[in-house]
PDB file of N, CA and C in Angstrom:
ATOM      1  N   MET A   1     -41.110 -14.575 -16.385  1.00  0.00           N
ATOM      2  CA  MET A   1     -40.995 -15.951 -16.799  1.00  0.00           C
ATOM      3  C   MET A   1     -39.623 -16.188 -17.410  1.00  0.00           C
ATOM      4  N   ARG A   2     -39.192 -17.431 -17.305  1.00  0.00           N
ATOM      5  CA  ARG A   2     -37.937 -17.823 -17.949  1.00  0.00           C
ATOM      6  C   ARG A   2     -38.241 -18.776 -19.101  1.00  0.00           C
ATOM      7  N   PHE A   3     -37.406 -18.691 -20.127  1.00  0.00           N
ATOM      8  CA  PHE A   3     -37.576 -19.502 -21.332  1.00  0.00           C
ATOM      9  C   PHE A   3     -36.243 -20.121 -21.718  1.00  0.00           C
ATOM     10  N   MET A   4     -36.307 -21.344 -22.246  1.00  0.00           N
ATOM     11  CA  MET A   4     -35.128 -21.957 -22.839  1.00  0.00           C
ATOM     12  C   MET A   4     -35.293 -21.884 -24.348  1.00  0.00           C
ATOM     13  N   VAL A   5     -34.283 -21.350 -25.004  1.00  0.00           N
ATOM     14  CA  VAL A   5     -34.245 -21.297 -26.455  1.00  0.00           C
ATOM     15  C   VAL A   5     -33.169 -22.285 -26.886  1.00  0.00           C
ATOM     16  N   MET A   6     -33.591 -23.326 -27.599  1.00  0.00           N
ATOM     17  CA  MET A   6     -32.669 -24.381 -28.012  1.00  0.00           C
ATOM     18  C   MET A   6     -32.352 -24.254 -29.489  1.00  0.00           C
ATOM     19  N   VAL A   7     -31.076 -24.233 -29.804  1.00  0.00           N
ATOM     20  CA  VAL A   7     -30.615 -24.219 -31.186  1.00  0.00           C
ATOM     21  C   VAL A   7     -30.410 -25.673 -31.579  1.00  0.00           C
ATOM     22  N   LYS A   8     -31.160 -26.114 -32.566  1.00  0.00           N
ATOM     23  CA  LYS A   8     -31.064 -27.503 -32.997  1.00  0.00           C
ATOM     24  C   LYS A   8     -29.732 -27.751 -33.694  1.00  0.00           C
ATOM     25  N   ALA A   9     -29.221 -28.952 -33.531  1.00  0.00           N
ATOM     26  CA  ALA A   9     -27.940 -29.340 -34.114  1.00  0.00           C
ATOM     27  C   ALA A   9     -28.040 -29.452 -35.629  1.00  0.00           C
ATOM     28  N   SER A  10     -26.898 -29.395 -36.255  1.00  0.00           N
ATOM     29  CA  SER A  10     -26.770 -29.570 -37.702  1.00  0.00           C
ATOM     30  C   SER A  10     -25.644 -30.584 -37.934  1.00  0.00           C
ATOM     31  N   PRO A  11     -25.518 -31.091 -39.142  1.00  0.00           N
ATOM     32  CA  PRO A  11     -24.374 -31.978 -39.411  1.00  0.00           C
ATOM     33  C   PRO A  11     -23.034 -31.308 -39.084  1.00  0.00           C
ATOM     34  N   GLU A  12     -22.953 -29.985 -39.316  1.00  0.00           N
ATOM     35  CA  GLU A  12     -21.707 -29.262 -39.025  1.00  0.00           C
ATOM     36  C   GLU A  12     -21.429 -29.201 -37.518  1.00  0.00           C
ATOM     37  N   SER A  13     -22.452 -28.891 -36.733  1.00  0.00           N
ATOM     38  CA  SER A  13     -22.240 -28.813 -35.278  1.00  0.00           C
ATOM     39  C   SER A  13     -21.926 -30.190 -34.705  1.00  0.00           C
ATOM     40  N   GLU A  14     -22.554 -31.228 -35.252  1.00  0.00           N
ATOM     41  CA  GLU A  14     -22.275 -32.588 -34.782  1.00  0.00           C
ATOM     42  C   GLU A  14     -20.876 -33.045 -35.184  1.00  0.00           C
ATOM     43  N   ALA A  15     -20.320 -32.452 -36.239  1.00  0.00           N
ATOM     44  CA  ALA A  15     -18.946 -32.764 -36.650  1.00  0.00           C
ATOM     45  C   ALA A  15     -17.933 -31.969 -35.836  1.00  0.00           C
ATOM     46  N   GLY A  16     -18.419 -31.084 -34.958  1.00  0.00           N
ATOM     47  CA  GLY A  16     -17.521 -30.296 -34.125  1.00  0.00           C
ATOM     48  C   GLY A  16     -16.989 -29.047 -34.799  1.00  0.00           C
ATOM     49  N   ARG A  17     -17.558 -28.684 -35.961  1.00  0.00           N
ATOM     50  CA  ARG A  17     -17.115 -27.479 -36.653  1.00  0.00           C
ATOM     51  C   ARG A  17     -17.709 -26.246 -35.979  1.00  0.00           C
ATOM     52  N   LEU A  18     -16.859 -25.292 -35.669  1.00  0.00           N
ATOM     53  CA  LEU A  18     -17.322 -24.044 -35.075  1.00  0.00           C
ATOM     54  C   LEU A  18     -17.984 -23.173 -36.134  1.00  0.00           C
ATOM     55  N   PRO A  19     -18.891 -22.308 -35.711  1.00  0.00           N
ATOM     56  CA  PRO A  19     -19.495 -21.366 -36.663  1.00  0.00           C
ATOM     57  C   PRO A  19     -18.439 -20.425 -37.229  1.00  0.00           C
ATOM     58  N   SER A  20     -18.802 -19.737 -38.294  1.00  0.00           N
ATOM     59  CA  SER A  20     -17.878 -18.780 -38.909  1.00  0.00           C
ATOM     60  C   SER A  20     -17.530 -17.674 -37.915  1.00  0.00           C
ATOM     61  N   GLU A  21     -16.385 -17.033 -38.142  1.00  0.00           N
ATOM     62  CA  GLU A  21     -15.978 -15.913 -37.284  1.00  0.00           C
ATOM     63  C   GLU A  21     -17.016 -14.793 -37.338  1.00  0.00           C
ATOM     64  N   ARG A  22     -17.597 -14.611 -38.499  1.00  0.00           N
ATOM     65  CA  ARG A  22     -18.626 -13.579 -38.648  1.00  0.00           C
ATOM     66  C   ARG A  22     -19.840 -13.892 -37.780  1.00  0.00           C
ATOM     67  N   LEU A  23     -20.292 -15.145 -37.790  1.00  0.00           N
ATOM     68  CA  LEU A  23     -21.438 -15.518 -36.963  1.00  0.00           C
ATOM     69  C   LEU A  23     -21.106 -15.367 -35.485  1.00  0.00           C
ATOM     70  N   ILE A  24     -19.923 -15.778 -35.083  1.00  0.00           N
ATOM     71  CA  ILE A  24     -19.530 -15.645 -33.673  1.00  0.00           C
ATOM     72  C   ILE A  24     -19.545 -14.177 -33.270  1.00  0.00           C
ATOM     73  N   ALA A  25     -19.013 -13.305 -34.117  1.00  0.00           N
ATOM     74  CA  ALA A  25     -18.990 -11.868 -33.808  1.00  0.00           C
ATOM     75  C   ALA A  25     -20.402 -11.299 -33.718  1.00  0.00           C
ATOM     76  N   GLU A  26     -21.255 -11.655 -34.667  1.00  0.00           N
ATOM     77  CA  GLU A  26     -22.623 -11.140 -34.648  1.00  0.00           C
ATOM     78  C   GLU A  26     -23.423 -11.722 -33.485  1.00  0.00           C
ATOM     79  N   MET A  27     -23.173 -12.983 -33.147  1.00  0.00           N
ATOM     80  CA  MET A  27     -23.875 -13.598 -32.025  1.00  0.00           C
ATOM     81  C   MET A  27     -23.423 -12.975 -30.702  1.00  0.00           C
ATOM     82  N   THR A  28     -22.156 -12.639 -30.592  1.00  0.00           N
ATOM     83  CA  THR A  28     -21.663 -11.959 -29.391  1.00  0.00           C
ATOM     84  C   THR A  28     -22.347 -10.614 -29.228  1.00  0.00           C
ATOM     85  N   GLU A  29     -22.470  -9.876 -30.319  1.00  0.00           N
ATOM     86  CA  GLU A  29     -23.154  -8.580 -30.277  1.00  0.00           C
ATOM     87  C   GLU A  29     -24.631  -8.758 -29.896  1.00  0.00           C
ATOM     88  N   PHE A  30     -25.292  -9.760 -30.478  1.00  0.00           N
ATOM     89  CA  PHE A  30     -26.696 -10.060 -30.165  1.00  0.00           C
ATOM     90  C   PHE A  30     -26.850 -10.404 -28.684  1.00  0.00           C
ATOM     91  N   ASN A  31     -25.961 -11.262 -28.177  1.00  0.00           N
ATOM     92  CA  ASN A  31     -26.023 -11.643 -26.760  1.00  0.00           C
ATOM     93  C   ASN A  31     -25.770 -10.446 -25.851  1.00  0.00           C
ATOM     94  N   ASP A  32     -24.866  -9.569 -26.249  1.00  0.00           N
ATOM     95  CA  ASP A  32     -24.610  -8.354 -25.464  1.00  0.00           C
ATOM     96  C   ASP A  32     -25.868  -7.492 -25.373  1.00  0.00           C
ATOM     97  N   LYS A  33     -26.610  -7.397 -26.485  1.00  0.00           N
ATOM     98  CA  LYS A  33     -27.860  -6.627 -26.480  1.00  0.00           C
ATOM     99  C   LYS A  33     -28.911  -7.294 -25.592  1.00  0.00           C
ATOM    100  N   LEU A  34     -28.998  -8.635 -25.638  1.00  0.00           N
ATOM    101  CA  LEU A  34     -29.933  -9.352 -24.770  1.00  0.00           C
ATOM    102  C   LEU A  34     -29.573  -9.133 -23.299  1.00  0.00           C
ATOM    103  N   ALA A  35     -28.285  -9.129 -22.998  1.00  0.00           N
ATOM    104  CA  ALA A  35     -27.844  -8.909 -21.616  1.00  0.00           C
ATOM    105  C   ALA A  35     -28.171  -7.483 -21.179  1.00  0.00           C
ATOM    106  N   ALA A  36     -27.889  -6.521 -22.040  1.00  0.00           N
ATOM    107  CA  ALA A  36     -28.137  -5.112 -21.695  1.00  0.00           C
ATOM    108  C   ALA A  36     -29.625  -4.834 -21.469  1.00  0.00           C
ATOM    109  N   SER A  37     -30.486  -5.566 -22.174  1.00  0.00           N
ATOM    110  CA  SER A  37     -31.930  -5.368 -22.025  1.00  0.00           C
ATOM    111  C   SER A  37     -32.505  -6.126 -20.826  1.00  0.00           C
ATOM    112  N   GLY A  38     -31.656  -6.945 -20.179  1.00  0.00           N
ATOM    113  CA  GLY A  38     -32.113  -7.710 -19.022  1.00  0.00           C
ATOM    114  C   GLY A  38     -32.763  -9.041 -19.360  1.00  0.00           C
ATOM    115  N   HIS A  39     -32.753  -9.432 -20.637  1.00  0.00           N
ATOM    116  CA  HIS A  39     -33.373 -10.692 -21.044  1.00  0.00           C
ATOM    117  C   HIS A  39     -32.458 -11.897 -20.852  1.00  0.00           C
ATOM    118  N   LEU A  40     -31.153 -11.726 -21.043  1.00  0.00           N
ATOM    119  CA  LEU A  40     -30.228 -12.859 -21.071  1.00  0.00           C
ATOM    120  C   LEU A  40     -29.820 -13.301 -19.672  1.00  0.00           C
ATOM    121  N   LEU A  41     -30.073 -14.554 -19.363  1.00  0.00           N
ATOM    122  CA  LEU A  41     -29.595 -15.159 -18.125  1.00  0.00           C
ATOM    123  C   LEU A  41     -28.396 -16.053 -18.390  1.00  0.00           C
ATOM    124  N   SER A  42     -28.374 -16.733 -19.552  1.00  0.00           N
ATOM    125  CA  SER A  42     -27.277 -17.625 -19.899  1.00  0.00           C
ATOM    126  C   SER A  42     -27.326 -17.914 -21.391  1.00  0.00           C
ATOM    127  N   ALA A  43     -26.169 -18.146 -21.985  1.00  0.00           N
ATOM    128  CA  ALA A  43     -26.070 -18.566 -23.384  1.00  0.00           C
ATOM    129  C   ALA A  43     -24.882 -19.503 -23.491  1.00  0.00           C
ATOM    130  N   GLU A  44     -25.113 -20.677 -24.032  1.00  0.00           N
ATOM    131  CA  GLU A  44     -24.060 -21.685 -24.094  1.00  0.00           C
ATOM    132  C   GLU A  44     -24.137 -22.480 -25.385  1.00  0.00           C
ATOM    133  N   GLY A  45     -22.978 -22.874 -25.877  1.00  0.00           N
ATOM    134  CA  GLY A  45     -22.906 -23.843 -26.968  1.00  0.00           C
ATOM    135  C   GLY A  45     -22.577 -25.206 -26.379  1.00  0.00           C
ATOM    136  N   LEU A  46     -22.979 -26.254 -27.075  1.00  0.00           N
ATOM    137  CA  LEU A  46     -22.714 -27.611 -26.606  1.00  0.00           C
ATOM    138  C   LEU A  46     -21.729 -28.303 -27.537  1.00  0.00           C
ATOM    139  N   THR A  47     -20.956 -29.211 -26.978  1.00  0.00           N
ATOM    140  CA  THR A  47     -20.069 -30.032 -27.792  1.00  0.00           C
ATOM    141  C   THR A  47     -20.915 -31.042 -28.565  1.00  0.00           C
ATOM    142  N   PRO A  48     -20.344 -31.687 -29.582  1.00  0.00           N
ATOM    143  CA  PRO A  48     -21.093 -32.697 -30.329  1.00  0.00           C
ATOM    144  C   PRO A  48     -21.551 -33.853 -29.422  1.00  0.00           C
ATOM    145  N   SER A  49     -22.618 -34.520 -29.849  1.00  0.00           N
ATOM    146  CA  SER A  49     -23.154 -35.622 -29.040  1.00  0.00           C
ATOM    147  C   SER A  49     -22.161 -36.770 -28.891  1.00  0.00           C
ATOM    148  N   SER A  50     -21.152 -36.828 -29.762  1.00  0.00           N
ATOM    149  CA  SER A  50     -20.127 -37.876 -29.634  1.00  0.00           C
ATOM    150  C   SER A  50     -19.356 -37.739 -28.327  1.00  0.00           C
ATOM    151  N   GLN A  51     -19.409 -36.564 -27.719  1.00  0.00           N
ATOM    152  CA  GLN A  51     -18.718 -36.329 -26.451  1.00  0.00           C
ATOM    153  C   GLN A  51     -19.658 -36.441 -25.254  1.00  0.00           C
ATOM    154  N   GLY A  52     -20.880 -36.907 -25.492  1.00  0.00           N
ATOM    155  CA  GLY A  52     -21.874 -36.982 -24.429  1.00  0.00           C
ATOM    156  C   GLY A  52     -22.354 -38.394 -24.168  1.00  0.00           C
ATOM    157  N   ALA A  53     -23.315 -38.489 -23.294  1.00  0.00           N
ATOM    158  CA  ALA A  53     -23.944 -39.765 -22.945  1.00  0.00           C
ATOM    159  C   ALA A  53     -25.403 -39.499 -22.601  1.00  0.00           C
ATOM    160  N   ARG A  54     -26.198 -40.545 -22.703  1.00  0.00           N
ATOM    161  CA  ARG A  54     -27.590 -40.513 -22.281  1.00  0.00           C
ATOM    162  C   ARG A  54     -27.794 -41.600 -21.245  1.00  0.00           C
ATOM    163  N   LEU A  55     -28.718 -41.357 -20.367  1.00  0.00           N
ATOM    164  CA  LEU A  55     -29.126 -42.389 -19.420  1.00  0.00           C
ATOM    165  C   LEU A  55     -30.555 -42.787 -19.762  1.00  0.00           C
ATOM    166  N   TRP A  56     -30.801 -44.083 -19.888  1.00  0.00           N
ATOM    167  CA  TRP A  56     -32.144 -44.598 -20.160  1.00  0.00           C
ATOM    168  C   TRP A  56     -32.665 -45.222 -18.875  1.00  0.00           C
ATOM    169  N   PHE A  57     -33.726 -44.643 -18.341  1.00  0.00           N
ATOM    170  CA  PHE A  57     -34.369 -45.145 -17.135  1.00  0.00           C
ATOM    171  C   PHE A  57     -35.572 -45.972 -17.568  1.00  0.00           C
ATOM    172  N   SER A  58     -35.485 -47.282 -17.439  1.00  0.00           N
ATOM    173  CA  SER A  58     -36.570 -48.160 -17.869  1.00  0.00           C
ATOM    174  C   SER A  58     -37.649 -48.289 -16.805  1.00  0.00           C
ATOM    175  N   GLY A  59     -37.348 -47.858 -15.598  1.00  0.00           N
ATOM    176  CA  GLY A  59     -38.285 -48.027 -14.495  1.00  0.00           C
ATOM    177  C   GLY A  59     -37.958 -49.241 -13.651  1.00  0.00           C
ATOM    178  N   GLU A  60     -37.079 -50.059 -14.148  1.00  0.00           N
ATOM    179  CA  GLU A  60     -36.656 -51.251 -13.410  1.00  0.00           C
ATOM    180  C   GLU A  60     -35.132 -51.322 -13.421  1.00  0.00           C
ATOM    181  N   GLY A  61     -34.542 -51.474 -12.260  1.00  0.00           N
ATOM    182  CA  GLY A  61     -33.095 -51.627 -12.177  1.00  0.00           C
ATOM    183  C   GLY A  61     -32.345 -50.343 -12.443  1.00  0.00           C
ATOM    184  N   ALA A  62     -31.057 -50.508 -12.630  1.00  0.00           N
ATOM    185  CA  ALA A  62     -30.163 -49.371 -12.846  1.00  0.00           C
ATOM    186  C   ALA A  62     -30.366 -48.783 -14.236  1.00  0.00           C
ATOM    187  N   PRO A  63     -30.158 -47.481 -14.384  1.00  0.00           N
ATOM    188  CA  PRO A  63     -30.281 -46.882 -15.717  1.00  0.00           C
ATOM    189  C   PRO A  63     -29.208 -47.406 -16.663  1.00  0.00           C
ATOM    190  N   GLU A  64     -29.548 -47.460 -17.935  1.00  0.00           N
ATOM    191  CA  GLU A  64     -28.612 -47.890 -18.968  1.00  0.00           C
ATOM    192  C   GLU A  64     -27.895 -46.658 -19.504  1.00  0.00           C
ATOM    193  N   VAL A  65     -26.572 -46.748 -19.646  1.00  0.00           N
ATOM    194  CA  VAL A  65     -25.772 -45.651 -20.193  1.00  0.00           C
ATOM    195  C   VAL A  65     -25.608 -45.874 -21.693  1.00  0.00           C
ATOM    196  N   ILE A  66     -25.949 -44.845 -22.470  1.00  0.00           N
ATOM    197  CA  ILE A  66     -25.805 -44.894 -23.923  1.00  0.00           C
ATOM    198  C   ILE A  66     -24.818 -43.809 -24.309  1.00  0.00           C
ATOM    199  N   ASP A  67     -23.665 -44.217 -24.826  1.00  0.00           N
ATOM    200  CA  ASP A  67     -22.646 -43.254 -25.231  1.00  0.00           C
ATOM    201  C   ASP A  67     -22.979 -42.666 -26.594  1.00  0.00           C
ATOM    202  N   GLY A  68     -22.632 -41.373 -26.773  1.00  0.00           N
ATOM    203  CA  GLY A  68     -22.828 -40.724 -28.057  1.00  0.00           C
ATOM    204  C   GLY A  68     -21.814 -41.239 -29.056  1.00  0.00           C
ATOM    205  N   PRO A  69     -21.950 -40.947 -30.314  1.00  0.00           N
ATOM    206  CA  PRO A  69     -22.885 -39.988 -30.882  1.00  0.00           C
ATOM    207  C   PRO A  69     -24.287 -40.573 -31.014  1.00  0.00           C
ATOM    208  N   PHE A  70     -25.253 -39.661 -31.108  1.00  0.00           N
ATOM    209  CA  PHE A  70     -26.647 -40.049 -31.228  1.00  0.00           C
ATOM    210  C   PHE A  70     -27.087 -39.832 -32.670  1.00  0.00           C
ATOM    211  N   ALA A  71     -27.909 -40.715 -33.174  1.00  0.00           N
ATOM    212  CA  ALA A  71     -28.207 -40.792 -34.605  1.00  0.00           C
ATOM    213  C   ALA A  71     -29.008 -39.619 -35.159  1.00  0.00           C
ATOM    214  N   GLU A  72     -30.048 -39.193 -34.500  1.00  0.00           N
ATOM    215  CA  GLU A  72     -30.971 -38.217 -35.072  1.00  0.00           C
ATOM    216  C   GLU A  72     -30.515 -36.776 -34.825  1.00  0.00           C
ATOM    217  N   THR A  73     -29.720 -36.229 -35.729  1.00  0.00           N
ATOM    218  CA  THR A  73     -29.209 -34.866 -35.582  1.00  0.00           C
ATOM    219  C   THR A  73     -30.335 -33.861 -35.392  1.00  0.00           C
ATOM    220  N   LYS A  74     -31.452 -34.034 -36.105  1.00  0.00           N
ATOM    221  CA  LYS A  74     -32.543 -33.063 -36.030  1.00  0.00           C
ATOM    222  C   LYS A  74     -33.177 -32.996 -34.647  1.00  0.00           C
ATOM    223  N   GLU A  75     -32.920 -33.987 -33.800  1.00  0.00           N
ATOM    224  CA  GLU A  75     -33.484 -34.001 -32.453  1.00  0.00           C
ATOM    225  C   GLU A  75     -32.469 -33.583 -31.389  1.00  0.00           C
ATOM    226  N   LEU A  76     -31.276 -33.220 -31.800  1.00  0.00           N
ATOM    227  CA  LEU A  76     -30.230 -32.837 -30.862  1.00  0.00           C
ATOM    228  C   LEU A  76     -30.172 -31.324 -30.695  1.00  0.00           C
ATOM    229  N   VAL A  77     -29.607 -30.894 -29.590  1.00  0.00           N
ATOM    230  CA  VAL A  77     -29.444 -29.475 -29.293  1.00  0.00           C
ATOM    231  C   VAL A  77     -27.956 -29.129 -29.406  1.00  0.00           C
ATOM    232  N   ALA A  78     -27.649 -28.037 -30.099  1.00  0.00           N
ATOM    233  CA  ALA A  78     -26.265 -27.600 -30.275  1.00  0.00           C
ATOM    234  C   ALA A  78     -25.905 -26.426 -29.382  1.00  0.00           C
ATOM    235  N   GLY A  79     -26.911 -25.721 -28.883  1.00  0.00           N
ATOM    236  CA  GLY A  79     -26.670 -24.577 -28.024  1.00  0.00           C
ATOM    237  C   GLY A  79     -27.975 -24.117 -27.416  1.00  0.00           C
ATOM    238  N   LEU A  80     -27.858 -23.201 -26.450  1.00  0.00           N
ATOM    239  CA  LEU A  80     -29.070 -22.749 -25.777  1.00  0.00           C
ATOM    240  C   LEU A  80     -28.891 -21.378 -25.185  1.00  0.00           C
ATOM    241  N   TRP A  81     -30.019 -20.724 -25.000  1.00  0.00           N
ATOM    242  CA  TRP A  81     -30.117 -19.493 -24.233  1.00  0.00           C
ATOM    243  C   TRP A  81     -31.127 -19.745 -23.123  1.00  0.00           C
ATOM    244  N   ILE A  82     -30.917 -19.146 -21.980  1.00  0.00           N
ATOM    245  CA  ILE A  82     -31.951 -19.027 -20.961  1.00  0.00           C
ATOM    246  C   ILE A  82     -32.269 -17.539 -20.912  1.00  0.00           C
ATOM    247  N   LEU A  83     -33.524 -17.210 -21.230  1.00  0.00           N
ATOM    248  CA  LEU A  83     -33.938 -15.822 -21.316  1.00  0.00           C
ATOM    249  C   LEU A  83     -35.074 -15.530 -20.344  1.00  0.00           C
ATOM    250  N   ARG A  84     -35.169 -14.286 -19.940  1.00  0.00           N
ATOM    251  CA  ARG A  84     -36.261 -13.827 -19.092  1.00  0.00           C
ATOM    252  C   ARG A  84     -37.136 -12.904 -19.925  1.00  0.00           C
ATOM    253  N   GLY A  85     -38.459 -13.106 -19.820  1.00  0.00           N
ATOM    254  CA  GLY A  85     -39.384 -12.257 -20.534  1.00  0.00           C
ATOM    255  C   GLY A  85     -40.779 -12.379 -19.969  1.00  0.00           C
ATOM    256  N   GLU A  86     -41.667 -11.549 -20.459  1.00  0.00           N
ATOM    257  CA  GLU A  86     -43.048 -11.521 -19.979  1.00  0.00           C
ATOM    258  C   GLU A  86     -43.926 -12.557 -20.660  1.00  0.00           C
ATOM    259  N   SER A  87     -43.569 -12.952 -21.887  1.00  0.00           N
ATOM    260  CA  SER A  87     -44.428 -13.878 -22.628  1.00  0.00           C
ATOM    261  C   SER A  87     -43.632 -14.612 -23.698  1.00  0.00           C
ATOM    262  N   LEU A  88     -44.211 -15.694 -24.176  1.00  0.00           N
ATOM    263  CA  LEU A  88     -43.615 -16.434 -25.283  1.00  0.00           C
ATOM    264  C   LEU A  88     -43.496 -15.534 -26.506  1.00  0.00           C
ATOM    265  N   GLU A  89     -44.507 -14.729 -26.747  1.00  0.00           N
ATOM    266  CA  GLU A  89     -44.499 -13.831 -27.900  1.00  0.00           C
ATOM    267  C   GLU A  89     -43.325 -12.850 -27.843  1.00  0.00           C
ATOM    268  N   GLU A  90     -43.014 -12.354 -26.648  1.00  0.00           N
ATOM    269  CA  GLU A  90     -41.878 -11.436 -26.499  1.00  0.00           C
ATOM    270  C   GLU A  90     -40.569 -12.132 -26.877  1.00  0.00           C
ATOM    271  N   ILE A  91     -40.389 -13.352 -26.407  1.00  0.00           N
ATOM    272  CA  ILE A  91     -39.150 -14.084 -26.688  1.00  0.00           C
ATOM    273  C   ILE A  91     -39.065 -14.454 -28.168  1.00  0.00           C
ATOM    274  N   VAL A  92     -40.200 -14.822 -28.759  1.00  0.00           N
ATOM    275  CA  VAL A  92     -40.213 -15.100 -30.200  1.00  0.00           C
ATOM    276  C   VAL A  92     -39.750 -13.865 -30.968  1.00  0.00           C
ATOM    277  N   GLU A  93     -40.254 -12.700 -30.610  1.00  0.00           N
ATOM    278  CA  GLU A  93     -39.857 -11.474 -31.301  1.00  0.00           C
ATOM    279  C   GLU A  93     -38.364 -11.185 -31.112  1.00  0.00           C
ATOM    280  N   LEU A  94     -37.849 -11.417 -29.915  1.00  0.00           N
ATOM    281  CA  LEU A  94     -36.408 -11.233 -29.682  1.00  0.00           C
ATOM    282  C   LEU A  94     -35.593 -12.168 -30.569  1.00  0.00           C
ATOM    283  N   MET A  95     -35.985 -13.433 -30.615  1.00  0.00           N
ATOM    284  CA  MET A  95     -35.201 -14.426 -31.337  1.00  0.00           C
ATOM    285  C   MET A  95     -35.316 -14.288 -32.850  1.00  0.00           C
ATOM    286  N   LYS A  96     -36.338 -13.612 -33.329  1.00  0.00           N
ATOM    287  CA  LYS A  96     -36.418 -13.323 -34.763  1.00  0.00           C
ATOM    288  C   LYS A  96     -35.249 -12.444 -35.196  1.00  0.00           C
ATOM    289  N   ARG A  97     -34.629 -11.746 -34.252  1.00  0.00           N
ATOM    290  CA  ARG A  97     -33.499 -10.850 -34.547  1.00  0.00           C
ATOM    291  C   ARG A  97     -32.150 -11.556 -34.451  1.00  0.00           C
ATOM    292  N   ALA A  98     -32.152 -12.845 -34.121  1.00  0.00           N
ATOM    293  CA  ALA A  98     -30.885 -13.581 -34.001  1.00  0.00           C
ATOM    294  C   ALA A  98     -30.161 -13.570 -35.342  1.00  0.00           C
ATOM    295  N   PRO A  99     -28.865 -13.363 -35.317  1.00  0.00           N
ATOM    296  CA  PRO A  99     -28.124 -13.281 -36.578  1.00  0.00           C
ATOM    297  C   PRO A  99     -28.008 -14.638 -37.277  1.00  0.00           C
ATOM    298  N   ASN A 100     -27.963 -14.563 -38.588  1.00  0.00           N
ATOM    299  CA  ASN A 100     -27.701 -15.729 -39.430  1.00  0.00           C
ATOM    300  C   ASN A 100     -26.975 -15.242 -40.680  1.00  0.00           C
ATOM    301  N   PRO A 101     -25.749 -14.704 -40.494  1.00  0.00           N
ATOM    302  CA  PRO A 101     -25.046 -14.077 -41.626  1.00  0.00           C
ATOM    303  C   PRO A 101     -24.660 -15.056 -42.727  1.00  0.00           C
ATOM    304  N   ASP A 102     -24.563 -16.339 -42.395  1.00  0.00           N
ATOM    305  CA  ASP A 102     -24.172 -17.327 -43.398  1.00  0.00           C
ATOM    306  C   ASP A 102     -25.383 -17.897 -44.129  1.00  0.00           C
ATOM    307  N   GLY A 103     -26.598 -17.492 -43.712  1.00  0.00           N
ATOM    308  CA  GLY A 103     -27.810 -17.933 -44.387  1.00  0.00           C
ATOM    309  C   GLY A 103     -28.072 -19.425 -44.271  1.00  0.00           C
ATOM    310  N   GLN A 104     -27.633 -20.029 -43.185  1.00  0.00           N
ATOM    311  CA  GLN A 104     -27.812 -21.463 -43.006  1.00  0.00           C
ATOM    312  C   GLN A 104     -29.222 -21.790 -42.529  1.00  0.00           C
ATOM    313  N   PRO A 105     -29.821 -22.881 -43.044  1.00  0.00           N
ATOM    314  CA  PRO A 105     -31.121 -23.291 -42.514  1.00  0.00           C
ATOM    315  C   PRO A 105     -30.946 -23.849 -41.110  1.00  0.00           C
ATOM    316  N   GLY A 106     -31.957 -23.738 -40.295  1.00  0.00           N
ATOM    317  CA  GLY A 106     -31.864 -24.266 -38.943  1.00  0.00           C
ATOM    318  C   GLY A 106     -33.131 -23.997 -38.178  1.00  0.00           C
ATOM    319  N   THR A 107     -33.218 -24.607 -37.017  1.00  0.00           N
ATOM    320  CA  THR A 107     -34.395 -24.478 -36.165  1.00  0.00           C
ATOM    321  C   THR A 107     -33.986 -24.023 -34.789  1.00  0.00           C
ATOM    322  N   VAL A 108     -34.763 -23.108 -34.236  1.00  0.00           N
ATOM    323  CA  VAL A 108     -34.618 -22.682 -32.853  1.00  0.00           C
ATOM    324  C   VAL A 108     -35.952 -22.990 -32.168  1.00  0.00           C
ATOM    325  N   GLU A 109     -35.899 -23.718 -31.070  1.00  0.00           N
ATOM    326  CA  GLU A 109     -37.107 -24.075 -30.323  1.00  0.00           C
ATOM    327  C   GLU A 109     -37.148 -23.259 -29.038  1.00  0.00           C
ATOM    328  N   ILE A 110     -38.307 -22.700 -28.727  1.00  0.00           N
ATOM    329  CA  ILE A 110     -38.477 -21.859 -27.542  1.00  0.00           C
ATOM    330  C   ILE A 110     -39.538 -22.488 -26.656  1.00  0.00           C
ATOM    331  N   ARG A 111     -39.177 -22.703 -25.381  1.00  0.00           N
ATOM    332  CA  ARG A 111     -40.148 -23.271 -24.443  1.00  0.00           C
ATOM    333  C   ARG A 111     -40.015 -22.624 -23.094  1.00  0.00           C
ATOM    334  N   PRO A 112     -41.136 -22.334 -22.445  1.00  0.00           N
ATOM    335  CA  PRO A 112     -41.087 -21.794 -21.084  1.00  0.00           C
ATOM    336  C   PRO A 112     -40.517 -22.832 -20.114  1.00  0.00           C
ATOM    337  N   LEU A 113     -39.777 -22.349 -19.135  1.00  0.00           N
ATOM    338  CA  LEU A 113     -39.303 -23.219 -18.063  1.00  0.00           C
ATOM    339  C   LEU A 113     -40.394 -23.307 -17.005  1.00  0.00           C
ATOM    340  N   VAL A 114     -40.521 -24.451 -16.395  1.00  0.00           N
ATOM    341  CA  VAL A 114     -41.498 -24.636 -15.322  1.00  0.00           C
ATOM    342  C   VAL A 114     -41.020 -23.862 -14.115  1.00  0.00           C
ATOM    343  N   GLU A 115     -41.866 -23.035 -13.576  1.00  0.00           N
ATOM    344  CA  GLU A 115     -41.552 -22.256 -12.382  1.00  0.00           C
ATOM    345  C   GLU A 115     -42.257 -22.924 -11.196  1.00  0.00           C
ATOM    346  N   VAL A 116     -41.504 -23.459 -10.272  1.00  0.00           N
ATOM    347  CA  VAL A 116     -42.063 -24.128  -9.101  1.00  0.00           C
ATOM    348  C   VAL A 116     -41.965 -23.208  -7.907  1.00  0.00           C
ATOM    349  N   GLY A 117     -43.064 -23.100  -7.166  1.00  0.00           N
ATOM    350  CA  GLY A 117     -43.045 -22.318  -5.944  1.00  0.00           C
ATOM    351  C   GLY A 117     -43.481 -20.965  -6.178  1.00  0.00           C
TER     352      GLY A 117
END
């Protein structure tokens, strides 16, 4: 199974501030371990929502384009992993080991990807 692990945005990520050098180094090491174990398919950070857009499909007519930034930081995604694993529980256990050297509060959401076919 494949899973998407979403790192929720923070005021710092929405301001375009990069994580500390220590976090980047520890996250690189963590990602290397995920890759070596065969779990990691992709890992990416996202730019702030001010550099993005949303499309609103009302069901009638052309979609409406909404330019960022978007108001609700707690509902935004700042980065993601695509991981392969046997179960949600396995991925939860892997992600419990994700580094947080700066001790910042935050949320990581894990959801299975729909497998078609």
